[in-house]
Structure formats: C-alpha cells, structure tokens
C-alpha atoms as a PDB file:
ATOM      1  CA  UNK A   1      -2.297  11.463 -19.840  1.00  0.00           C
ATOM      2  CA  UNK A   2      -0.518  13.943 -22.081  1.00  0.00           C
ATOM      3  CA  UNK A   3      -2.599  17.064 -22.565  1.00  0.00           C
ATOM      4  CA  UNK A   4       0.129  19.617 -22.483  1.00  0.00           C
ATOM      5  CA  UNK A   5      -1.700  21.267 -19.571  1.00  0.00           C
ATOM      6  CA  UNK A   6      -0.095  21.537 -16.099  1.00  0.00           C
ATOM      7  CA  UNK A   7      -3.409  20.643 -14.420  1.00  0.00           C
ATOM      8  CA  UNK A   8      -2.991  17.060 -15.345  1.00  0.00           C
ATOM      9  CA  UNK A   9       0.224  15.071 -14.264  1.00  0.00           C
ATOM     10  CA  UNK A  10       1.904  12.839 -16.767  1.00  0.00           C
ATOM     11  CA  UNK A  11       0.826   9.238 -16.921  1.00  0.00           C
ATOM     12  CA  UNK A  12       3.794   6.890 -15.854  1.00  0.00           C
ATOM     13  CA  UNK A  13       2.272   3.609 -14.641  1.00  0.00           C
ATOM     14  CA  UNK A  14       0.046   0.860 -15.795  1.00  0.00           C
ATOM     15  CA  UNK A  15      -2.612   1.893 -13.362  1.00  0.00           C
ATOM     16  CA  UNK A  16      -2.685   5.561 -14.277  1.00  0.00           C
ATOM     17  CA  UNK A  17      -4.822   5.150 -17.506  1.00  0.00           C
ATOM     18  CA  UNK A  18      -7.427   3.178 -15.538  1.00  0.00           C
ATOM     19  CA  UNK A  19      -7.646   5.914 -12.875  1.00  0.00           C
ATOM     20  CA  UNK A  20      -7.839   8.627 -15.448  1.00  0.00           C
ATOM     21  CA  UNK A  21     -10.585   6.819 -17.345  1.00  0.00           C
ATOM     22  CA  UNK A  22     -12.938   6.573 -14.397  1.00  0.00           C
ATOM     23  CA  UNK A  23     -12.054  10.065 -13.271  1.00  0.00           C
ATOM     24  CA  UNK A  24     -12.961  11.668 -16.608  1.00  0.00           C
ATOM     25  CA  UNK A  25     -16.062   9.526 -16.964  1.00  0.00           C
ATOM     26  CA  UNK A  26     -17.269  10.849 -13.570  1.00  0.00           C
ATOM     27  CA  UNK A  27     -16.275  14.353 -14.557  1.00  0.00           C
ATOM     28  CA  UNK A  28     -18.206  14.093 -17.795  1.00  0.00           C
ATOM     29  CA  UNK A  29     -21.323  12.669 -16.103  1.00  0.00           C
ATOM     30  CA  UNK A  30     -21.196  15.516 -13.605  1.00  0.00           C
ATOM     31  CA  UNK A  31     -20.718  18.136 -16.314  1.00  0.00           C
ATOM     32  CA  UNK A  32     -23.583  16.754 -18.361  1.00  0.00           C
ATOM     33  CA  UNK A  33     -26.142  16.695 -15.630  1.00  0.00           C
ATOM     34  CA  UNK A  34     -24.948  20.055 -14.280  1.00  0.00           C
ATOM     35  CA  UNK A  35     -25.516  21.614 -17.607  1.00  0.00           C
ATOM     36  CA  UNK A  36     -28.879  19.763 -18.065  1.00  0.00           C
ATOM     37  CA  UNK A  37     -30.147  21.038 -14.666  1.00  0.00           C
ATOM     38  CA  UNK A  38     -28.864  24.622 -15.330  1.00  0.00           C
ATOM     39  CA  UNK A  39     -30.675  24.734 -18.763  1.00  0.00           C
ATOM     40  CA  UNK A  40     -33.809  23.201 -17.251  1.00  0.00           C
ATOM     41  CA  UNK A  41     -33.870  25.799 -14.513  1.00  0.00           C
ATOM     42  CA  UNK A  42     -33.633  28.738 -16.947  1.00  0.00           C
ATOM     43  CA  UNK A  43     -36.119  27.194 -19.308  1.00  0.00           C
ATOM     44  CA  UNK A  44     -38.722  26.567 -16.569  1.00  0.00           C
ATOM     45  CA  UNK A  45     -38.099  29.960 -15.011  1.00  0.00           C
ATOM     46  CA  UNK A  46     -38.826  31.595 -18.319  1.00  0.00           C
ATOM     47  CA  UNK A  47     -41.760  29.415 -19.287  1.00  0.00           C
ATOM     48  CA  UNK A  48     -43.482  29.696 -15.858  1.00  0.00           C
ATOM     49  CA  UNK A  49     -42.533  33.234 -15.037  1.00  0.00           C
ATOM     50  CA  UNK A  50     -45.099  35.438 -13.115  1.00  0.00           C
ATOM     51  CA  UNK A  51     -48.277  36.104 -15.169  1.00  0.00           C
ATOM     52  CA  UNK A  52     -51.009  38.685 -14.745  1.00  0.00           C
ATOM     53  CA  UNK A  53     -52.950  38.078 -11.516  1.00  0.00           C
ATOM     54  CA  UNK A  54     -56.192  37.438 -13.349  1.00  0.00           C
ATOM     55  CA  UNK A  55     -54.683  34.376 -15.120  1.00  0.00           C
ATOM     56  CA  UNK A  56     -54.521  31.288 -13.027  1.00  0.00           C
ATOM     57  CA  UNK A  57     -52.643  28.230 -14.184  1.00  0.00           C
ATOM     58  CA  UNK A  58     -53.941  24.685 -13.950  1.00  0.00           C
ATOM     59  CA  UNK A  59     -52.446  22.168 -11.620  1.00  0.00           C
ATOM     60  CA  UNK A  60     -49.996  19.826 -13.214  1.00  0.00           C
ATOM     61  CA  UNK A  61     -49.965  16.161 -12.474  1.00  0.00           C
ATOM     62  CA  UNK A  62     -46.575  14.395 -12.192  1.00  0.00           C
ATOM     63  CA  UNK A  63     -46.152  11.446 -14.630  1.00  0.00           C
ATOM     64  CA  UNK A  64     -45.241   8.141 -13.169  1.00  0.00           C
ATOM     65  CA  UNK A  65     -42.984   7.314 -16.176  1.00  0.00           C
ATOM     66  CA  UNK A  66     -41.078  10.533 -15.745  1.00  0.00           C
ATOM     67  CA  UNK A  67     -40.499   9.868 -12.013  1.00  0.00           C
ATOM     68  CA  UNK A  68     -39.215   6.349 -12.780  1.00  0.00           C
ATOM     69  CA  UNK A  69     -37.016   7.550 -15.594  1.00  0.00           C
ATOM     70  CA  UNK A  70     -35.115  10.339 -13.590  1.00  0.00           C
ATOM     71  CA  UNK A  71     -34.667   7.872 -10.730  1.00  0.00           C
ATOM     72  CA  UNK A  72     -33.524   4.796 -12.609  1.00  0.00           C
ATOM     73  CA  UNK A  73     -31.065   6.492 -15.027  1.00  0.00           C
ATOM     74  CA  UNK A  74     -28.919   8.145 -12.290  1.00  0.00           C
ATOM     75  CA  UNK A  75     -29.050   4.953 -10.264  1.00  0.00           C
ATOM     76  CA  UNK A  76     -27.810   2.959 -13.166  1.00  0.00           C
ATOM     77  CA  UNK A  77     -25.021   5.354 -13.816  1.00  0.00           C
ATOM     78  CA  UNK A  78     -23.960   5.324 -10.163  1.00  0.00           C
ATOM     79  CA  UNK A  79     -23.910   1.504 -10.236  1.00  0.00           C
ATOM     80  CA  UNK A  80     -21.661   1.597 -13.264  1.00  0.00           C
ATOM     81  CA  UNK A  81     -19.314   4.061 -11.515  1.00  0.00           C
ATOM     82  CA  UNK A  82     -19.324   1.928  -8.337  1.00  0.00           C
ATOM     83  CA  UNK A  83     -18.507  -1.246 -10.153  1.00  0.00           C
ATOM     84  CA  UNK A  84     -15.790   0.355 -12.247  1.00  0.00           C
ATOM     85  CA  UNK A  85     -14.273   1.973  -9.222  1.00  0.00           C
ATOM     86  CA  UNK A  86     -14.305  -1.300  -7.289  1.00  0.00           C
ATOM     87  CA  UNK A  87     -12.470  -2.949 -10.149  1.00  0.00           C
ATOM     88  CA  UNK A  88      -9.808  -0.350 -10.200  1.00  0.00           C
ATOM     89  CA  UNK A  89      -9.498  -0.404  -6.440  1.00  0.00           C
ATOM     90  CA  UNK A  90      -9.045  -4.141  -6.301  1.00  0.00           C
ATOM     91  CA  UNK A  91      -6.408  -3.917  -9.128  1.00  0.00           C
ATOM     92  CA  UNK A  92      -4.494  -1.247  -7.057  1.00  0.00           C
ATOM     93  CA  UNK A  93      -4.570  -3.356  -3.939  1.00  0.00           C
ATOM     94  CA  UNK A  94      -3.483  -6.712  -5.429  1.00  0.00           C
ATOM     95  CA  UNK A  95       0.027  -6.711  -6.673  1.00  0.00           C
ATOM     96  CA  UNK A  96       0.958  -9.253  -9.352  1.00  0.00           C
ATOM     97  CA  UNK A  97       2.794 -12.383  -8.216  1.00  0.00           C
ATOM     98  CA  UNK A  98       6.013 -11.340  -9.867  1.00  0.00           C
ATOM     99  CA  UNK A  99       6.154  -7.985  -7.991  1.00  0.00           C
ATOM    100  CA  UNK A 100       9.461  -7.273  -6.294  1.00  0.00           C
ATOM    101  CA  UNK A 101       9.257  -6.000  -2.716  1.00  0.00           C
ATOM    102  CA  UNK A 102      10.843  -2.679  -1.735  1.00  0.00           C
ATOM    103  CA  UNK A 103      10.713  -1.405   1.886  1.00  0.00           C
ATOM    104  CA  UNK A 104       9.785   2.151   2.736  1.00  0.00           C
ATOM    105  CA  UNK A 105      10.071   3.952   6.097  1.00  0.00           C
ATOM    106  CA  UNK A 106       8.604   7.362   6.598  1.00  0.00           C
ATOM    107  CA  UNK A 107      10.264   9.729   9.098  1.00  0.00           C
ATOM    108  CA  UNK A 108       9.984  13.434   9.847  1.00  0.00           C
ATOM    109  CA  UNK A 109      10.861  14.610   7.262  1.00  0.00           C
ATOM    110  CA  UNK A 110      12.235  12.086   4.820  1.00  0.00           C
ATOM    111  CA  UNK A 111      11.645   8.864   2.947  1.00  0.00           C
ATOM    112  CA  UNK A 112      13.968   5.893   3.502  1.00  0.00           C
ATOM    113  CA  UNK A 113      13.953   3.096   0.895  1.00  0.00           C
ATOM    114  CA  UNK A 114      15.498  -0.347   0.899  1.00  0.00           C
ATOM    115  CA  UNK A 115      16.038  -2.418  -2.217  1.00  0.00           C
ATOM    116  CA  UNK A 116      15.609  -6.238  -2.232  1.00  0.00           C
ATOM    117  CA  UNK A 117      19.375  -6.460  -2.743  1.00  0.00           C
ATOM    118  CA  UNK A 118      19.997  -4.529   0.465  1.00  0.00           C
ATOM    119  CA  UNK A 119      20.710  -1.089  -1.086  1.00  0.00           C
ATOM    120  CA  UNK A 120      19.302   1.854   0.824  1.00  0.00           C
ATOM    121  CA  UNK A 121      18.373   5.345  -0.386  1.00  0.00           C
ATOM    122  CA  UNK A 122      16.946   8.443   1.158  1.00  0.00           C
ATOM    123  CA  UNK A 123      14.301  10.530  -0.706  1.00  0.00           C
ATOM    124  CA  UNK A 124      15.136   8.895  -4.005  1.00  0.00           C
ATOM    125  CA  UNK A 125      14.133   5.423  -5.193  1.00  0.00           C
ATOM    126  CA  UNK A 126      15.537   3.846  -8.336  1.00  0.00           C
ATOM    127  CA  UNK A 127      13.391   1.186  -9.984  1.00  0.00           C
ATOM    128  CA  UNK A 128      13.562  -0.804 -13.213  1.00  0.00           C
ATOM    129  CA  UNK A 129      11.171  -0.153 -16.109  1.00  0.00           C
ATOM    130  CA  UNK A 130       8.423  -2.748 -16.652  1.00  0.00           C
ATOM    131  CA  UNK A 131       8.805  -4.466 -13.388  1.00  0.00           C
ATOM    132  CA  UNK A 132       5.908  -4.539 -10.850  1.00  0.00           C
ATOM    133  CA  UNK A 133       7.135  -2.991  -7.593  1.00  0.00           C
ATOM    134  CA  UNK A 134       5.437  -3.656  -4.293  1.00  0.00           C
ATOM    135  CA  UNK A 135       6.017  -1.212  -1.549  1.00  0.00           C
ATOM    136  CA  UNK A 136       5.912  -2.307   2.088  1.00  0.00           C
ATOM    137  CA  UNK A 137       5.670   0.870   4.078  1.00  0.00           C
ATOM    138  CA  UNK A 138       5.673   1.985   7.781  1.00  0.00           C
ATOM    139  CA  UNK A 139       6.383   5.123   9.729  1.00  0.00           C
ATOM    140  CA  UNK A 140       8.769   5.829  12.642  1.00  0.00           C
ATOM    141  CA  UNK A 141       6.836   8.654  14.128  1.00  0.00           C
ATOM    142  CA  UNK A 142       3.510  10.047  12.708  1.00  0.00           C
ATOM    143  CA  UNK A 143       1.082   9.407   9.812  1.00  0.00           C
ATOM    144  CA  UNK A 144       2.589  10.178   6.453  1.00  0.00           C
ATOM    145  CA  UNK A 145       1.133   9.540   2.976  1.00  0.00           C
ATOM    146  CA  UNK A 146       3.098   8.260   0.020  1.00  0.00           C
ATOM    147  CA  UNK A 147       1.886  10.035  -3.076  1.00  0.00           C
ATOM    148  CA  UNK A 148       3.311   9.780  -6.688  1.00  0.00           C
ATOM    149  CA  UNK A 149       0.853  11.787  -8.946  1.00  0.00           C
ATOM    150  CA  UNK A 150       2.242  10.342 -12.224  1.00  0.00           C
ATOM    151  CA  UNK A 151       1.600   6.862 -10.985  1.00  0.00           C
ATOM    152  CA  UNK A 152      -1.780   7.728  -9.474  1.00  0.00           C
ATOM    153  CA  UNK A 153      -0.363   6.051  -6.334  1.00  0.00           C
ATOM    154  CA  UNK A 154      -1.343   7.275  -2.901  1.00  0.00           C
ATOM    155  CA  UNK A 155      -1.201   5.310   0.443  1.00  0.00           C
ATOM    156  CA  UNK A 156      -1.087   6.320   3.989  1.00  0.00           C
ATOM    157  CA  UNK A 157       2.092   5.267   5.903  1.00  0.00           C
ATOM    158  CA  UNK A 158       1.199   4.480   9.446  1.00  0.00           C
ATOM    159  CA  UNK A 159       3.272   4.090  12.638  1.00  0.00           C
ATOM    160  CA  UNK A 160       2.865   0.648  14.242  1.00  0.00           C
ATOM    161  CA  UNK A 161       1.772  -1.211  11.119  1.00  0.00           C
ATOM    162  CA  UNK A 162       2.527  -1.963   7.548  1.00  0.00           C
ATOM    163  CA  UNK A 163       0.662  -0.725   4.507  1.00  0.00           C
ATOM    164  CA  UNK A 164       1.188  -1.982   0.950  1.00  0.00           C
ATOM    165  CA  UNK A 165       0.997  -0.495  -2.563  1.00  0.00           C
ATOM    166  CA  UNK A 166       2.281  -1.459  -5.941  1.00  0.00           C
ATOM    167  CA  UNK A 167       2.961   0.184  -9.300  1.00  0.00           C
ATOM    168  CA  UNK A 168       4.652  -0.688 -12.583  1.00  0.00           C
ATOM    169  CA  UNK A 169       6.339   2.151 -14.399  1.00  0.00           C
ATOM    170  CA  UNK A 170       5.703   2.375 -18.182  1.00  0.00           C
ATOM    171  CA  UNK A 171       8.376   4.818 -19.197  1.00  0.00           C
ATOM    172  CA  UNK A 172      11.739   5.952 -17.978  1.00  0.00           C
ATOM    173  CA  UNK A 173      12.129   9.298 -16.207  1.00  0.00           C
ATOM    174  CA  UNK A 174      12.063  10.976 -12.817  1.00  0.00           C
ATOM    175  CA  UNK A 175       8.740  11.315 -11.071  1.00  0.00           C
ATOM    176  CA  UNK A 176       7.978  13.480  -8.071  1.00  0.00           C
ATOM    177  CA  UNK A 177       7.104  11.982  -4.639  1.00  0.00           C
ATOM    178  CA  UNK A 178       5.132  13.880  -2.046  1.00  0.00           C
ATOM    179  CA  UNK A 179       3.883  13.384   1.469  1.00  0.00           C
ATOM    180  CA  UNK A 180       0.139  14.080   1.174  1.00  0.00           C
ATOM    181  CA  UNK A 181      -0.631  14.020   4.946  1.00  0.00           C
ATOM    182  CA  UNK A 182       0.324  16.970   7.172  1.00  0.00           C
ATOM    183  CA  UNK A 183       3.104  15.628   9.385  1.00  0.00           C
ATOM    184  CA  UNK A 184       4.656  18.637  11.124  1.00  0.00           C
ATOM    185  CA  UNK A 185       6.371  21.868  10.611  1.00  0.00           C
ATOM    186  CA  UNK A 186       8.468  20.780   7.678  1.00  0.00           C
ATOM    187  CA  UNK A 187       5.717  18.697   5.982  1.00  0.00           C
ATOM    188  CA  UNK A 188       6.076  20.689   2.712  1.00  0.00           C
ATOM    189  CA  UNK A 189       9.754  19.776   2.517  1.00  0.00           C
ATOM    190  CA  UNK A 190       9.052  16.002   2.728  1.00  0.00           C
ATOM    191  CA  UNK A 191       9.406  15.029  -0.854  1.00  0.00           C
ATOM    192  CA  UNK A 192      11.485  12.941  -3.160  1.00  0.00           C
ATOM    193  CA  UNK A 193      11.688  11.303  -6.514  1.00  0.00           C
ATOM    194  CA  UNK A 194      11.195   7.914  -8.118  1.00  0.00           C
ATOM    195  CA  UNK A 195      13.812   7.408 -10.858  1.00  0.00           C
ATOM    196  CA  UNK A 196      12.685   4.823 -13.447  1.00  0.00           C
ATOM    197  CA  UNK A 197      15.584   3.217 -15.439  1.00  0.00           C
ATOM    198  CA  UNK A 198      15.794   0.788 -18.290  1.00  0.00           C
ATOM    199  CA  UNK A 199      16.532  -2.770 -16.910  1.00  0.00           C
ATOM    200  CA  UNK A 200      20.149  -2.705 -18.084  1.00  0.00           C
ATOM    201  CA  UNK A 201      20.697   0.915 -16.660  1.00  0.00           C
ATOM    202  CA  UNK A 202      19.153  -0.241 -13.355  1.00  0.00           C
ATOM    203  CA  UNK A 203      21.484  -3.218 -13.136  1.00  0.00           C
ATOM    204  CA  UNK A 204      24.440  -0.973 -13.961  1.00  0.00           C
ATOM    205  CA  UNK A 205      23.287   1.486 -11.224  1.00  0.00           C
ATOM    206  CA  UNK A 206      23.134  -1.374  -8.748  1.00  0.00           C
ATOM    207  CA  UNK A 207      26.590  -2.632  -9.685  1.00  0.00           C
ATOM    208  CA  UNK A 208      28.058   0.874  -9.487  1.00  0.00           C
ATOM    209  CA  UNK A 209      27.390   1.406  -5.791  1.00  0.00           C
ATOM    210  CA  UNK A 210      28.109  -0.784  -2.730  1.00  0.00           C
ATOM    211  CA  UNK A 211      25.091  -2.840  -1.531  1.00  0.00           C
ATOM    212  CA  UNK A 212      23.743  -2.018   1.961  1.00  0.00           C
ATOM    213  CA  UNK A 213      25.025   0.841   3.994  1.00  0.00           C
ATOM    214  CA  UNK A 214      26.890   1.605   7.189  1.00  0.00           C
ATOM    215  CA  UNK A 215      25.236   2.112  10.511  1.00  0.00           C
ATOM    216  CA  UNK A 216      22.403  -0.463  10.120  1.00  0.00           C
ATOM    217  CA  UNK A 217      22.871  -4.153  10.917  1.00  0.00           C
ATOM    218  CA  UNK A 218      21.435  -6.749   8.605  1.00  0.00           C
ATOM    219  CA  UNK A 219      18.526  -8.930   9.673  1.00  0.00           C
ATOM    220  CA  UNK A 220      20.832 -11.922  10.034  1.00  0.00           C
ATOM    221  CA  UNK A 221      23.163  -9.969  12.328  1.00  0.00           C
ATOM    222  CA  UNK A 222      20.243  -8.705  14.455  1.00  0.00           C
ATOM    223  CA  UNK A 223      18.868 -12.261  14.670  1.00  0.00           C
ATOM    224  CA  UNK A 224      22.100 -13.399  16.316  1.00  0.00           C
ATOM    225  CA  UNK A 225      22.719 -10.252  18.294  1.00  0.00           C
ATOM    226  CA  UNK A 226      19.309 -10.381  19.924  1.00  0.00           C
ATOM    227  CA  UNK A 227      19.790 -14.092  20.629  1.00  0.00           C
ATOM    228  CA  UNK A 228      16.827 -15.065  18.499  1.00  0.00           C
ATOM    229  CA  UNK A 229      18.713 -18.102  17.262  1.00  0.00           C
ATOM    230  CA  UNK A 230      18.969 -19.565  20.725  1.00  0.00           C
ATOM    231  CA  UNK A 231      15.224 -20.426  20.771  1.00  0.00           C
ATOM    232  CA  UNK A 232      14.274 -20.442  17.105  1.00  0.00           C
ATOM    233  CA  UNK A 233      16.609 -23.184  16.094  1.00  0.00           C
ATOM    234  CA  UNK A 234      16.018 -25.261  12.949  1.00  0.00           C
ATOM    235  CA  UNK A 235      16.669 -28.473  14.815  1.00  0.00           C
ATOM    236  CA  UNK A 236      14.366 -27.869  17.818  1.00  0.00           C
ATOM    237  CA  UNK A 237      10.796 -26.593  18.453  1.00  0.00           C
ATOM    238  CA  UNK A 238      10.980 -26.894  22.346  1.00  0.00           C
ATOM    239  CA  UNK A 239      11.096 -23.181  23.262  1.00  0.00           C
ATOM    240  CA  UNK A 240      10.368 -21.592  19.964  1.00  0.00           C
ATOM    241  CA  UNK A 241       9.651 -23.025  16.498  1.00  0.00           C
ATOM    242  CA  UNK A 242      12.102 -22.872  13.571  1.00  0.00           C
ATOM    243  CA  UNK A 243      11.162 -19.941  11.437  1.00  0.00           C
ATOM    244  CA  UNK A 244      11.826 -21.636   8.072  1.00  0.00           C
ATOM    245  CA  UNK A 245       8.636 -21.446   6.061  1.00  0.00           C
ATOM    246  CA  UNK A 246       6.710 -19.544   8.751  1.00  0.00           C
ATOM    247  CA  UNK A 247       5.886 -16.474   6.640  1.00  0.00           C
ATOM    248  CA  UNK A 248       2.503 -16.760   4.973  1.00  0.00           C
ATOM    249  CA  UNK A 249       1.508 -19.781   7.078  1.00  0.00           C
ATOM    250  CA  UNK A 250      -1.408 -20.070   9.357  1.00  0.00           C
ATOM    251  CA  UNK A 251      -0.708 -19.914  13.143  1.00  0.00           C
ATOM    252  CA  UNK A 252      -3.122 -21.637  15.569  1.00  0.00           C
ATOM    253  CA  UNK A 253      -3.561 -19.516  18.724  1.00  0.00           C
ATOM    254  CA  UNK A 254      -3.879 -20.658  22.185  1.00  0.00           C
ATOM    255  CA  UNK A 255      -7.057 -18.686  22.632  1.00  0.00           C
ATOM    256  CA  UNK A 256      -8.613 -20.400  19.695  1.00  0.00           C
ATOM    257  CA  UNK A 257      -8.687 -19.495  15.931  1.00  0.00           C
ATOM    258  CA  UNK A 258      -5.833 -18.843  13.648  1.00  0.00           C
ATOM    259  CA  UNK A 259      -3.969 -15.905  12.034  1.00  0.00           C
ATOM    260  CA  UNK A 260      -1.864 -15.488   8.968  1.00  0.00           C
ATOM    261  CA  UNK A 261       1.747 -14.830   9.570  1.00  0.00           C
ATOM    262  CA  UNK A 262       2.457 -11.561   7.675  1.00  0.00           C
ATOM    263  CA  UNK A 263       4.559  -8.400   8.290  1.00  0.00           C
ATOM    264  CA  UNK A 264       2.152  -6.951  10.849  1.00  0.00           C
ATOM    265  CA  UNK A 265       1.861 -10.234  12.688  1.00  0.00           C
ATOM    266  CA  UNK A 266       5.715 -10.599  12.890  1.00  0.00           C
ATOM    267  CA  UNK A 267       6.065  -6.980  14.119  1.00  0.00           C
ATOM    268  CA  UNK A 268       3.515  -7.468  16.905  1.00  0.00           C
ATOM    269  CA  UNK A 269       5.180 -10.691  17.897  1.00  0.00           C
ATOM    270  CA  UNK A 270       8.555  -9.043  18.354  1.00  0.00           C
ATOM    271  CA  UNK A 271       7.172  -6.024  20.248  1.00  0.00           C
ATOM    272  CA  UNK A 272       4.239  -7.627  22.156  1.00  0.00           C
ATOM    273  CA  UNK A 273       5.021 -11.367  22.318  1.00  0.00           C
ATOM    274  CA  UNK A 274       2.300 -12.161  24.881  1.00  0.00           C
ATOM    275  CA  UNK A 275      -0.527 -10.738  22.795  1.00  0.00           C
ATOM    276  CA  UNK A 276      -1.079 -13.701  20.539  1.00  0.00           C
ATOM    277  CA  UNK A 277       0.491 -16.852  21.875  1.00  0.00           C
ATOM    278  CA  UNK A 278       0.592 -19.818  19.498  1.00  0.00           C
ATOM    279  CA  UNK A 279      -0.973 -23.088  20.733  1.00  0.00           C
ATOM    280  CA  UNK A 280       1.571 -25.381  22.258  1.00  0.00           C
ATOM    281  CA  UNK A 281       4.007 -22.727  23.422  1.00  0.00           C
ATOM    282  CA  UNK A 282       4.512 -20.792  26.624  1.00  0.00           C
ATOM    283  CA  UNK A 283       4.862 -16.972  26.867  1.00  0.00           C
ATOM    284  CA  UNK A 284       8.654 -17.070  27.416  1.00  0.00           C
ATOM    285  CA  UNK A 285       9.791 -14.541  24.847  1.00  0.00           C
ATOM    286  CA  UNK A 286      10.742 -11.070  26.143  1.00  0.00           C
ATOM    287  CA  UNK A 287       9.571  -7.955  24.450  1.00  0.00           C
ATOM    288  CA  UNK A 288      11.920  -5.928  22.258  1.00  0.00           C
ATOM    289  CA  UNK A 289       9.910  -2.758  22.394  1.00  0.00           C
ATOM    290  CA  UNK A 290      12.157   0.230  22.719  1.00  0.00           C
ATOM    291  CA  UNK A 291      15.226  -1.897  21.713  1.00  0.00           C
ATOM    292  CA  UNK A 292      14.663  -1.935  17.944  1.00  0.00           C
ATOM    293  CA  UNK A 293      14.056   0.922  15.605  1.00  0.00           C
ATOM    294  CA  UNK A 294      11.430   0.628  12.791  1.00  0.00           C
ATOM    295  CA  UNK A 295      14.314  -0.038  10.260  1.00  0.00           C
ATOM    296  CA  UNK A 296      15.817  -2.715  12.496  1.00  0.00           C
ATOM    297  CA  UNK A 297      12.371  -4.306  12.897  1.00  0.00           C
ATOM    298  CA  UNK A 298      12.120  -4.284   9.101  1.00  0.00           C
ATOM    299  CA  UNK A 299      15.486  -5.888   8.686  1.00  0.00           C
ATOM    300  CA  UNK A 300      14.455  -8.693  11.045  1.00  0.00           C
ATOM    301  CA  UNK A 301      11.147  -9.280   9.125  1.00  0.00           C
ATOM    302  CA  UNK A 302      12.992  -9.315   5.808  1.00  0.00           C
ATOM    303  CA  UNK A 303      15.403 -11.991   7.146  1.00  0.00           C
ATOM    304  CA  UNK A 304      12.545 -14.162   8.491  1.00  0.00           C
ATOM    305  CA  UNK A 305      10.806 -13.864   5.109  1.00  0.00           C
ATOM    306  CA  UNK A 306      14.011 -14.901   3.386  1.00  0.00           C
ATOM    307  CA  UNK A 307      14.125 -17.988   5.582  1.00  0.00           C
ATOM    308  CA  UNK A 308      10.599 -18.816   4.246  1.00  0.00           C
ATOM    309  CA  UNK A 309      11.782 -18.361   0.724  1.00  0.00           C
ATOM    310  CA  UNK A 310      14.805 -20.604   1.281  1.00  0.00           C
ATOM    311  CA  UNK A 311      12.541 -23.265   2.676  1.00  0.00           C
ATOM    312  CA  UNK A 312      10.176 -23.006  -0.275  1.00  0.00           C
ATOM    313  CA  UNK A 313      13.207 -23.579  -2.605  1.00  0.00           C
ATOM    314  CA  UNK A 314      14.173 -26.741  -0.776  1.00  0.00           C
ATOM    315  CA  UNK A 315      10.720 -28.382  -1.115  1.00  0.00           C
ATOM    316  CA  UNK A 316       7.353 -28.856   0.705  1.00  0.00           C
ATOM    317  CA  UNK A 317       8.799 -30.997   3.442  1.00  0.00           C
ATOM    318  CA  UNK A 318      10.607 -27.894   4.728  1.00  0.00           C
ATOM    319  CA  UNK A 319       7.495 -25.703   4.492  1.00  0.00           C
ATOM    320  CA  UNK A 320       7.260 -24.715   8.173  1.00  0.00           C
ATOM    321  CA  UNK A 321       7.208 -25.320  11.858  1.00  0.00           C
ATOM    322  CA  UNK A 322       4.334 -26.557  13.920  1.00  0.00           C
ATOM    323  CA  UNK A 323       1.561 -24.005  13.655  1.00  0.00           C
ATOM    324  CA  UNK A 324       3.918 -21.161  13.131  1.00  0.00           C
ATOM    325  CA  UNK A 325       4.907 -18.967  16.176  1.00  0.00           C
ATOM    326  CA  UNK A 326       3.629 -15.511  16.387  1.00  0.00           C
ATOM    327  CA  UNK A 327       4.579 -14.488  19.845  1.00  0.00           C
ATOM    328  CA  UNK A 328       8.118 -15.976  19.824  1.00  0.00           C
ATOM    329  CA  UNK A 329       9.177 -14.759  16.398  1.00  0.00           C
ATOM    330  CA  UNK A 330      12.248 -12.782  17.438  1.00  0.00           C
ATOM    331  CA  UNK A 331      13.248 -14.318  20.739  1.00  0.00           C
END
C-alpha cells in the first residue's frame, strides 16, 4: 500500500494486498460503529436529560425487531470477517507447488540463510522476483520471530522444531527484516534485509559468488561422517531402510498408527531415535543429540530430501523403502 505515510509499510508481496484489505475493512467497521455509538450516546443524553421533578416519563418498551436487528447485523459482519480472515490465513499457510525452499536458522542475534543451491548468507537474503519462496525455519537457542512488514509475513521461529512460511515478492528492492519476539539483551539488533532481484540479476548474483561456505559440512559429507550410510544402504533394509523416497511418505509405527515423514519427524528421528520406532525394525540407532548443531541437522535433512527427489525423478518403482524409517533416519 502506497499512501506516502510512514505509518503504513510498503506492499511488496502477493499476500500483502489481501492482508491490507481485511485489515482496513475491520478498521472501517470499527470506526463506523464507534462513531455510531458515540453519536447515539450524545443524542440520547441530550434527549433524555434530567427534567423537572414534577414531570415523570413513561416506561419505554423495547421492540423485538430492534433487538433482533442490532444482534443479527453485527453477527453477520463478524462472520464475514471470520470467513475472510480464514481464507487469507490458509493462503498464507499453503505455499504453491512451485515454491522454492530456503532454510532459515535464528540465533542470538542473527539470521542465517541457506539457498537451495547451497549458498549461505547472514542477515541478508537474496531472492528472485516473482518466484514463490518457502522458508523452513528453526532456532538454535530461544524463540525468535521472522517478521518482514512489507511482505506482511510473520512467523515464530522455535527451537526444537521447524516452522514454515512463504511469500512471493512483487517488486525489486530491499525490505527490512526484524525479530518480533524478545530474545535477549540484543534483541533490538537482530535484524536484516530481504533483497529482491530480477531473475537475471539473481542468477548473476549466484554466479558471482562461490556456492556454499567454509566451516560447515554438506549433508552428504555428514551422512558419511556419521556412518549413516552403513545402515541406510540402498541395497539393504536389514538394519535401516534405504532413505530414497522416504520424505513425504507415511511411516507405520511399531506402537500402531502412522506418521508423515517431514522435517520435524526426521529431526526427532536423528536426536531421539527410540521415540517413534517404525514397524519391523529394532531400536538400534544411537542418538546424535549434542553431536550435531541445528545447521548440521538441517544439512542432513536437506540431503535426505534430495534423495527423495532423485527417487521421484527415476520413477514410482523407486518411491521408497518399507514403511519409511523415522527412528533410524540418520544412523
């Protein structure tokens, strides 16, 4: 929204106009009824002001139609706002199928980003214009909140689990990023920026810098270094299943029921492998709690997801192992 007034941030995403529309609708409804009530109070106070003591007014009888009217109209307006708000909420929570996944790690007091190509940034994220971006976020320490006013995007970033949000930028520029959850002494300094580039400029930016970064092993290297490949072999499901095609599959649990293999499920399987044991396997996998940082966990999960994507590209016959293995994911 461009009002030339600093109270309202610029509108820089496809979701922003929808959020603005419902916000200003609610604001106008509140202003209308506030004014109506204020005028009514002054009118009735003047009309029914104190009269001489010898004049006694007659008792008024409330009308049924009036009672129904001032109950039904506000109720109808609230239903409209609820339905509209639910529609915007579900739109914000369901990324398009063509959304590209970027990984975000919050840490006192900085934001760490990883591109799908492996490039990593701190406090600045470059994204292409017109491309839906899905953010997969977690925290290394305390609760943070990822907030970009121009995108109307705000999502809590929690330690021990993954949260998701998406946006699609509508115009190039640099947009401020804030932490909207008090996270310690230097909370006010935990900021950054989202730099939106034209697709060609974004490709040139990617080509102009080396992919990846020193000091952090790739998921494939960690998979070998932690000896995960000794149990999760593509040619054997004896100790642990092959992980090709496991992401997004349903895993049958030994205790009954099933669970979808997603980022949170893989993370729990690596850190607490005996919590949800898959039917048909023994609790042989050791825990890696304290041995992997959040960024290393993320690298492993990215690698496991890439194995699923490679399996999908081969064909349905390579779609996945028996049941999918939660509690032996990283052994």
